[in-house]
Amino acid sequence: MKLNVDLSELHIASAKMQGLDTFLTELRNQKLCFSKGLEIASKFVEKNGGEVTVIAEGTLLRLLGDEATCFQPYDDINLFYFEI
């Protein structure tokens, strides 16, 4: 018997406890669209006392000494990307 269970929320919750890099990597691994990934990441950073800033290259996230730039490399590729 095979269970059809979506564990994506559990993976995200686990990644939140491991820091910004791990959290953003999990969002990327889930192949979220850019706007959804950025929304989730921004809320996480703001909720934990970090800073979200829109810059020319994308959106800069700062949290507990970590810094990441979230971006969409091309308009026709609607996936969440980031660089630490």
PDB file of N, CA and C in Angstrom:
ATOM      1  N   MET A   1       0.841  -1.165   0.000  1.00  0.00           N
ATOM      2  CA  MET A   1       0.000   0.000   0.000  1.00  0.00           C
ATOM      3  C   MET A   1       0.898   1.244   0.000  1.00  0.00           C
ATOM      4  N   LYS A   2       0.705   2.113  -0.945  1.00  0.00           N
ATOM      5  CA  LYS A   2       1.496   3.327  -1.055  1.00  0.00           C
ATOM      6  C   LYS A   2       0.655   4.524  -0.617  1.00  0.00           C
ATOM      7  N   LEU A   3       1.206   5.306   0.303  1.00  0.00           N
ATOM      8  CA  LEU A   3       0.511   6.493   0.780  1.00  0.00           C
ATOM      9  C   LEU A   3       0.884   7.694  -0.079  1.00  0.00           C
ATOM     10  N   ASN A   4      -0.094   8.488  -0.412  1.00  0.00           N
ATOM     11  CA  ASN A   4       0.132   9.708  -1.173  1.00  0.00           C
ATOM     12  C   ASN A   4       0.101  10.881  -0.195  1.00  0.00           C
ATOM     13  N   VAL A   5       1.283  11.226   0.338  1.00  0.00           N
ATOM     14  CA  VAL A   5       1.383  12.249   1.371  1.00  0.00           C
ATOM     15  C   VAL A   5       2.326  13.353   0.892  1.00  0.00           C
ATOM     16  N   ASP A   6       1.900  14.592   1.025  1.00  0.00           N
ATOM     17  CA  ASP A   6       2.725  15.741   0.660  1.00  0.00           C
ATOM     18  C   ASP A   6       3.465  16.221   1.909  1.00  0.00           C
ATOM     19  N   LEU A   7       4.778  16.074   1.899  1.00  0.00           N
ATOM     20  CA  LEU A   7       5.586  16.458   3.051  1.00  0.00           C
ATOM     21  C   LEU A   7       6.283  17.802   2.862  1.00  0.00           C
ATOM     22  N   SER A   8       5.877  18.563   1.851  1.00  0.00           N
ATOM     23  CA  SER A   8       6.568  19.819   1.558  1.00  0.00           C
ATOM     24  C   SER A   8       6.513  20.793   2.729  1.00  0.00           C
ATOM     25  N   GLU A   9       5.387  20.900   3.405  1.00  0.00           N
ATOM     26  CA  GLU A   9       5.278  21.813   4.551  1.00  0.00           C
ATOM     27  C   GLU A   9       6.192  21.375   5.694  1.00  0.00           C
ATOM     28  N   LEU A  10       6.330  20.075   5.886  1.00  0.00           N
ATOM     29  CA  LEU A  10       7.225  19.557   6.923  1.00  0.00           C
ATOM     30  C   LEU A  10       8.678  19.877   6.586  1.00  0.00           C
ATOM     31  N   HIS A  11       9.044  19.749   5.319  1.00  0.00           N
ATOM     32  CA  HIS A  11      10.404  20.073   4.886  1.00  0.00           C
ATOM     33  C   HIS A  11      10.699  21.560   5.113  1.00  0.00           C
ATOM     34  N   ILE A  12       9.737  22.412   4.804  1.00  0.00           N
ATOM     35  CA  ILE A  12       9.920  23.855   5.008  1.00  0.00           C
ATOM     36  C   ILE A  12      10.063  24.170   6.496  1.00  0.00           C
ATOM     37  N   ALA A  13       9.227  23.572   7.332  1.00  0.00           N
ATOM     38  CA  ALA A  13       9.295  23.810   8.777  1.00  0.00           C
ATOM     39  C   ALA A  13      10.646  23.374   9.339  1.00  0.00           C
ATOM     40  N   SER A  14      11.141  22.254   8.875  1.00  0.00           N
ATOM     41  CA  SER A  14      12.449  21.773   9.314  1.00  0.00           C
ATOM     42  C   SER A  14      13.560  22.715   8.865  1.00  0.00           C
ATOM     43  N   ALA A  15      13.487  23.191   7.633  1.00  0.00           N
ATOM     44  CA  ALA A  15      14.516  24.083   7.089  1.00  0.00           C
ATOM     45  C   ALA A  15      14.548  25.419   7.823  1.00  0.00           C
ATOM     46  N   LYS A  16      13.409  25.879   8.315  1.00  0.00           N
ATOM     47  CA  LYS A  16      13.352  27.150   9.050  1.00  0.00           C
ATOM     48  C   LYS A  16      14.261  27.124  10.273  1.00  0.00           C
ATOM     49  N   MET A  17      14.404  25.959  10.880  1.00  0.00           N
ATOM     50  CA  MET A  17      15.207  25.835  12.091  1.00  0.00           C
ATOM     51  C   MET A  17      16.696  25.777  11.795  1.00  0.00           C
ATOM     52  N   GLN A  18      17.068  25.679  10.512  1.00  0.00           N
ATOM     53  CA  GLN A  18      18.472  25.503  10.157  1.00  0.00           C
ATOM     54  C   GLN A  18      19.102  26.744   9.543  1.00  0.00           C
ATOM     55  N   GLY A  19      18.370  27.835   9.464  1.00  0.00           N
ATOM     56  CA  GLY A  19      18.942  29.082   8.978  1.00  0.00           C
ATOM     57  C   GLY A  19      18.461  29.485   7.602  1.00  0.00           C
ATOM     58  N   LEU A  20      18.846  30.691   7.213  1.00  0.00           N
ATOM     59  CA  LEU A  20      18.366  31.292   5.968  1.00  0.00           C
ATOM     60  C   LEU A  20      18.780  30.493   4.738  1.00  0.00           C
ATOM     61  N   ASP A  21      20.043  30.092   4.661  1.00  0.00           N
ATOM     62  CA  ASP A  21      20.533  29.358   3.493  1.00  0.00           C
ATOM     63  C   ASP A  21      19.756  28.066   3.287  1.00  0.00           C
ATOM     64  N   THR A  22      19.594  27.285   4.336  1.00  0.00           N
ATOM     65  CA  THR A  22      18.864  26.016   4.241  1.00  0.00           C
ATOM     66  C   THR A  22      17.402  26.252   3.891  1.00  0.00           C
ATOM     67  N   PHE A  23      16.816  27.278   4.484  1.00  0.00           N
ATOM     68  CA  PHE A  23      15.416  27.594   4.214  1.00  0.00           C
ATOM     69  C   PHE A  23      15.210  27.971   2.749  1.00  0.00           C
ATOM     70  N   LEU A  24      16.048  28.866   2.226  1.00  0.00           N
ATOM     71  CA  LEU A  24      15.921  29.281   0.826  1.00  0.00           C
ATOM     72  C   LEU A  24      16.209  28.125  -0.127  1.00  0.00           C
ATOM     73  N   THR A  25      17.155  27.277   0.234  1.00  0.00           N
ATOM     74  CA  THR A  25      17.453  26.098  -0.591  1.00  0.00           C
ATOM     75  C   THR A  25      16.237  25.188  -0.675  1.00  0.00           C
ATOM     76  N   GLU A  26      15.545  25.008   0.430  1.00  0.00           N
ATOM     77  CA  GLU A  26      14.339  24.167   0.426  1.00  0.00           C
ATOM     78  C   GLU A  26      13.254  24.775  -0.451  1.00  0.00           C
ATOM     79  N   LEU A  27      13.084  26.092  -0.394  1.00  0.00           N
ATOM     80  CA  LEU A  27      12.093  26.744  -1.265  1.00  0.00           C
ATOM     81  C   LEU A  27      12.450  26.521  -2.732  1.00  0.00           C
ATOM     82  N   ARG A  28      13.730  26.649  -3.062  1.00  0.00           N
ATOM     83  CA  ARG A  28      14.167  26.429  -4.445  1.00  0.00           C
ATOM     84  C   ARG A  28      13.959  24.968  -4.854  1.00  0.00           C
ATOM     85  N   ASN A  29      14.297  24.045  -3.964  1.00  0.00           N
ATOM     86  CA  ASN A  29      14.144  22.619  -4.276  1.00  0.00           C
ATOM     87  C   ASN A  29      12.693  22.238  -4.539  1.00  0.00           C
ATOM     88  N   GLN A  30      11.766  22.966  -3.940  1.00  0.00           N
ATOM     89  CA  GLN A  30      10.349  22.678  -4.158  1.00  0.00           C
ATOM     90  C   GLN A  30       9.831  23.289  -5.453  1.00  0.00           C
ATOM     91  N   LYS A  31      10.717  23.968  -6.195  1.00  0.00           N
ATOM     92  CA  LYS A  31      10.392  24.547  -7.502  1.00  0.00           C
ATOM     93  C   LYS A  31       9.172  25.473  -7.438  1.00  0.00           C
ATOM     94  N   LEU A  32       9.172  26.322  -6.404  1.00  0.00           N
ATOM     95  CA  LEU A  32       8.092  27.300  -6.264  1.00  0.00           C
ATOM     96  C   LEU A  32       8.229  28.381  -7.326  1.00  0.00           C
ATOM     97  N   CYS A  33       7.099  28.946  -7.725  1.00  0.00           N
ATOM     98  CA  CYS A  33       7.169  30.086  -8.639  1.00  0.00           C
ATOM     99  C   CYS A  33       7.841  31.235  -7.887  1.00  0.00           C
ATOM    100  N   PHE A  34       8.418  32.160  -8.638  1.00  0.00           N
ATOM    101  CA  PHE A  34       9.210  33.220  -8.018  1.00  0.00           C
ATOM    102  C   PHE A  34       8.412  34.020  -6.995  1.00  0.00           C
ATOM    103  N   SER A  35       7.221  34.451  -7.354  1.00  0.00           N
ATOM    104  CA  SER A  35       6.448  35.309  -6.446  1.00  0.00           C
ATOM    105  C   SER A  35       6.084  34.584  -5.151  1.00  0.00           C
ATOM    106  N   LYS A  36       5.737  33.313  -5.237  1.00  0.00           N
ATOM    107  CA  LYS A  36       5.372  32.541  -4.043  1.00  0.00           C
ATOM    108  C   LYS A  36       6.595  32.308  -3.157  1.00  0.00           C
ATOM    109  N   GLY A  37       7.716  31.943  -3.772  1.00  0.00           N
ATOM    110  CA  GLY A  37       8.943  31.734  -3.009  1.00  0.00           C
ATOM    111  C   GLY A  37       9.399  33.001  -2.309  1.00  0.00           C
ATOM    112  N   LEU A  38       9.336  34.123  -3.025  1.00  0.00           N
ATOM    113  CA  LEU A  38       9.746  35.400  -2.443  1.00  0.00           C
ATOM    114  C   LEU A  38       8.809  35.814  -1.314  1.00  0.00           C
ATOM    115  N   GLU A  39       7.530  35.572  -1.481  1.00  0.00           N
ATOM    116  CA  GLU A  39       6.555  35.901  -0.432  1.00  0.00           C
ATOM    117  C   GLU A  39       6.845  35.115   0.846  1.00  0.00           C
ATOM    118  N   ILE A  40       7.059  33.814   0.709  1.00  0.00           N
ATOM    119  CA  ILE A  40       7.333  32.963   1.872  1.00  0.00           C
ATOM    120  C   ILE A  40       8.653  33.363   2.528  1.00  0.00           C
ATOM    121  N   ALA A  41       9.685  33.586   1.715  1.00  0.00           N
ATOM    122  CA  ALA A  41      11.001  33.954   2.246  1.00  0.00           C
ATOM    123  C   ALA A  41      10.951  35.306   2.954  1.00  0.00           C
ATOM    124  N   SER A  42      10.283  36.273   2.361  1.00  0.00           N
ATOM    125  CA  SER A  42      10.189  37.610   2.957  1.00  0.00           C
ATOM    126  C   SER A  42       9.456  37.570   4.294  1.00  0.00           C
ATOM    127  N   LYS A  43       8.365  36.835   4.358  1.00  0.00           N
ATOM    128  CA  LYS A  43       7.613  36.714   5.616  1.00  0.00           C
ATOM    129  C   LYS A  43       8.471  36.069   6.700  1.00  0.00           C
ATOM    130  N   PHE A  44       9.224  35.033   6.321  1.00  0.00           N
ATOM    131  CA  PHE A  44      10.099  34.344   7.270  1.00  0.00           C
ATOM    132  C   PHE A  44      11.141  35.310   7.836  1.00  0.00           C
ATOM    133  N   VAL A  45      11.774  36.078   6.964  1.00  0.00           N
ATOM    134  CA  VAL A  45      12.815  37.018   7.390  1.00  0.00           C
ATOM    135  C   VAL A  45      12.225  38.108   8.285  1.00  0.00           C
ATOM    136  N   GLU A  46      11.118  38.707   7.880  1.00  0.00           N
ATOM    137  CA  GLU A  46      10.502  39.773   8.675  1.00  0.00           C
ATOM    138  C   GLU A  46      10.014  39.262  10.028  1.00  0.00           C
ATOM    139  N   LYS A  47       9.438  38.072  10.045  1.00  0.00           N
ATOM    140  CA  LYS A  47       8.919  37.491  11.284  1.00  0.00           C
ATOM    141  C   LYS A  47      10.039  37.231  12.296  1.00  0.00           C
ATOM    142  N   ASN A  48      11.240  36.991  11.782  1.00  0.00           N
ATOM    143  CA  ASN A  48      12.371  36.675  12.653  1.00  0.00           C
ATOM    144  C   ASN A  48      13.314  37.857  12.864  1.00  0.00           C
ATOM    145  N   GLY A  49      12.798  39.070  12.630  1.00  0.00           N
ATOM    146  CA  GLY A  49      13.563  40.269  12.935  1.00  0.00           C
ATOM    147  C   GLY A  49      14.581  40.676  11.890  1.00  0.00           C
ATOM    148  N   GLY A  50      14.478  40.110  10.703  1.00  0.00           N
ATOM    149  CA  GLY A  50      15.408  40.457   9.631  1.00  0.00           C
ATOM    150  C   GLY A  50      14.916  41.632   8.816  1.00  0.00           C
ATOM    151  N   GLU A  51      15.595  41.868   7.711  1.00  0.00           N
ATOM    152  CA  GLU A  51      15.311  43.023   6.867  1.00  0.00           C
ATOM    153  C   GLU A  51      15.138  42.580   5.418  1.00  0.00           C
ATOM    154  N   VAL A  52      14.119  43.122   4.756  1.00  0.00           N
ATOM    155  CA  VAL A  52      13.842  42.847   3.344  1.00  0.00           C
ATOM    156  C   VAL A  52      13.950  44.165   2.587  1.00  0.00           C
ATOM    157  N   THR A  53      14.816  44.186   1.551  1.00  0.00           N
ATOM    158  CA  THR A  53      15.044  45.402   0.779  1.00  0.00           C
ATOM    159  C   THR A  53      14.985  45.087  -0.710  1.00  0.00           C
ATOM    160  N   VAL A  54      14.200  45.859  -1.452  1.00  0.00           N
ATOM    161  CA  VAL A  54      14.149  45.702  -2.908  1.00  0.00           C
ATOM    162  C   VAL A  54      15.335  46.458  -3.497  1.00  0.00           C
ATOM    163  N   ILE A  55      16.126  45.759  -4.327  1.00  0.00           N
ATOM    164  CA  ILE A  55      17.289  46.357  -4.986  1.00  0.00           C
ATOM    165  C   ILE A  55      17.174  46.113  -6.486  1.00  0.00           C
ATOM    166  N   ALA A  56      18.066  46.702  -7.257  1.00  0.00           N
ATOM    167  CA  ALA A  56      18.010  46.574  -8.718  1.00  0.00           C
ATOM    168  C   ALA A  56      18.114  45.120  -9.172  1.00  0.00           C
ATOM    169  N   GLU A  57      18.914  44.326  -8.479  1.00  0.00           N
ATOM    170  CA  GLU A  57      19.137  42.930  -8.880  1.00  0.00           C
ATOM    171  C   GLU A  57      18.030  41.987  -8.430  1.00  0.00           C
ATOM    172  N   GLY A  58      17.164  42.430  -7.544  1.00  0.00           N
ATOM    173  CA  GLY A  58      16.106  41.572  -7.010  1.00  0.00           C
ATOM    174  C   GLY A  58      15.684  42.047  -5.635  1.00  0.00           C
ATOM    175  N   THR A  59      15.648  41.128  -4.684  1.00  0.00           N
ATOM    176  CA  THR A  59      15.274  41.456  -3.311  1.00  0.00           C
ATOM    177  C   THR A  59      16.351  40.941  -2.371  1.00  0.00           C
ATOM    178  N   LEU A  60      16.840  41.806  -1.509  1.00  0.00           N
ATOM    179  CA  LEU A  60      17.890  41.463  -0.561  1.00  0.00           C
ATOM    180  C   LEU A  60      17.254  41.084   0.768  1.00  0.00           C
ATOM    181  N   LEU A  61      17.610  39.908   1.269  1.00  0.00           N
ATOM    182  CA  LEU A  61      17.129  39.431   2.564  1.00  0.00           C
ATOM    183  C   LEU A  61      18.306  39.383   3.525  1.00  0.00           C
ATOM    184  N   ARG A  62      18.137  39.961   4.710  1.00  0.00           N
ATOM    185  CA  ARG A  62      19.170  39.925   5.748  1.00  0.00           C
ATOM    186  C   ARG A  62      18.559  39.350   7.010  1.00  0.00           C
ATOM    187  N   LEU A  63      19.249  38.341   7.559  1.00  0.00           N
ATOM    188  CA  LEU A  63      18.753  37.709   8.777  1.00  0.00           C
ATOM    189  C   LEU A  63      19.918  37.129   9.564  1.00  0.00           C
ATOM    190  N   LEU A  64      20.084  37.591  10.792  1.00  0.00           N
ATOM    191  CA  LEU A  64      21.093  37.066  11.721  1.00  0.00           C
ATOM    192  C   LEU A  64      22.482  36.956  11.086  1.00  0.00           C
ATOM    193  N   GLY A  65      22.899  37.994  10.392  1.00  0.00           N
ATOM    194  CA  GLY A  65      24.229  37.999   9.792  1.00  0.00           C
ATOM    195  C   GLY A  65      24.320  37.360   8.422  1.00  0.00           C
ATOM    196  N   ASP A  66      23.285  36.669   7.999  1.00  0.00           N
ATOM    197  CA  ASP A  66      23.252  36.085   6.657  1.00  0.00           C
ATOM    198  C   ASP A  66      22.584  37.061   5.703  1.00  0.00           C
ATOM    199  N   GLU A  67      23.000  37.015   4.462  1.00  0.00           N
ATOM    200  CA  GLU A  67      22.451  37.905   3.443  1.00  0.00           C
ATOM    201  C   GLU A  67      22.249  37.110   2.157  1.00  0.00           C
ATOM    202  N   ALA A  68      21.099  37.267   1.530  1.00  0.00           N
ATOM    203  CA  ALA A  68      20.802  36.568   0.280  1.00  0.00           C
ATOM    204  C   ALA A  68      20.062  37.502  -0.662  1.00  0.00           C
ATOM    205  N   THR A  69      20.358  37.367  -1.945  1.00  0.00           N
ATOM    206  CA  THR A  69      19.646  38.114  -2.974  1.00  0.00           C
ATOM    207  C   THR A  69      18.735  37.147  -3.713  1.00  0.00           C
ATOM    208  N   CYS A  70      17.444  37.417  -3.706  1.00  0.00           N
ATOM    209  CA  CYS A  70      16.459  36.596  -4.417  1.00  0.00           C
ATOM    210  C   CYS A  70      16.157  37.268  -5.748  1.00  0.00           C
ATOM    211  N   PHE A  71      16.058  36.471  -6.800  1.00  0.00           N
ATOM    212  CA  PHE A  71      15.871  37.053  -8.125  1.00  0.00           C
ATOM    213  C   PHE A  71      15.214  36.059  -9.073  1.00  0.00           C
ATOM    214  N   GLN A  72      14.715  36.576 -10.163  1.00  0.00           N
ATOM    215  CA  GLN A  72      14.158  35.778 -11.255  1.00  0.00           C
ATOM    216  C   GLN A  72      15.039  36.080 -12.468  1.00  0.00           C
ATOM    217  N   PRO A  73      15.899  35.128 -12.892  1.00  0.00           N
ATOM    218  CA  PRO A  73      16.901  35.434 -13.916  1.00  0.00           C
ATOM    219  C   PRO A  73      16.322  35.853 -15.267  1.00  0.00           C
ATOM    220  N   TYR A  74      15.209  35.261 -15.648  1.00  0.00           N
ATOM    221  CA  TYR A  74      14.570  35.580 -16.926  1.00  0.00           C
ATOM    222  C   TYR A  74      13.059  35.587 -16.725  1.00  0.00           C
ATOM    223  N   ASP A  75      12.370  36.446 -17.450  1.00  0.00           N
ATOM    224  CA  ASP A  75      10.913  36.541 -17.316  1.00  0.00           C
ATOM    225  C   ASP A  75      10.204  35.232 -17.639  1.00  0.00           C
ATOM    226  N   ASP A  76      10.763  34.447 -18.567  1.00  0.00           N
ATOM    227  CA  ASP A  76      10.099  33.212 -18.974  1.00  0.00           C
ATOM    228  C   ASP A  76      10.447  32.021 -18.075  1.00  0.00           C
ATOM    229  N   ILE A  77      11.297  32.228 -17.076  1.00  0.00           N
ATOM    230  CA  ILE A  77      11.609  31.177 -16.103  1.00  0.00           C
ATOM    231  C   ILE A  77      11.032  31.626 -14.767  1.00  0.00           C
ATOM    232  N   ASN A  78       9.859  31.142 -14.448  1.00  0.00           N
ATOM    233  CA  ASN A  78       9.146  31.593 -13.255  1.00  0.00           C
ATOM    234  C   ASN A  78       9.434  30.673 -12.072  1.00  0.00           C
ATOM    235  N   LEU A  79      10.702  30.648 -11.656  1.00  0.00           N
ATOM    236  CA  LEU A  79      11.110  29.858 -10.509  1.00  0.00           C
ATOM    237  C   LEU A  79      11.864  30.740  -9.526  1.00  0.00           C
ATOM    238  N   PHE A  80      11.883  30.319  -8.273  1.00  0.00           N
ATOM    239  CA  PHE A  80      12.551  31.051  -7.204  1.00  0.00           C
ATOM    240  C   PHE A  80      14.045  30.743  -7.221  1.00  0.00           C
ATOM    241  N   TYR A  81      14.865  31.782  -7.328  1.00  0.00           N
ATOM    242  CA  TYR A  81      16.319  31.649  -7.284  1.00  0.00           C
ATOM    243  C   TYR A  81      16.874  32.596  -6.234  1.00  0.00           C
ATOM    244  N   PHE A  82      18.068  32.264  -5.717  1.00  0.00           N
ATOM    245  CA  PHE A  82      18.736  33.143  -4.758  1.00  0.00           C
ATOM    246  C   PHE A  82      20.240  32.892  -4.795  1.00  0.00           C
ATOM    247  N   GLU A  83      20.981  33.873  -4.303  1.00  0.00           N
ATOM    248  CA  GLU A  83      22.427  33.752  -4.100  1.00  0.00           C
ATOM    249  C   GLU A  83      22.745  34.240  -2.700  1.00  0.00           C
ATOM    250  N   ILE A  84      23.602  33.521  -2.031  1.00  0.00           N
ATOM    251  CA  ILE A  84      24.052  33.919  -0.686  1.00  0.00           C
ATOM    252  C   ILE A  84      25.262  34.821  -0.834  1.00  0.00           C
TER     253      ILE A  84
END
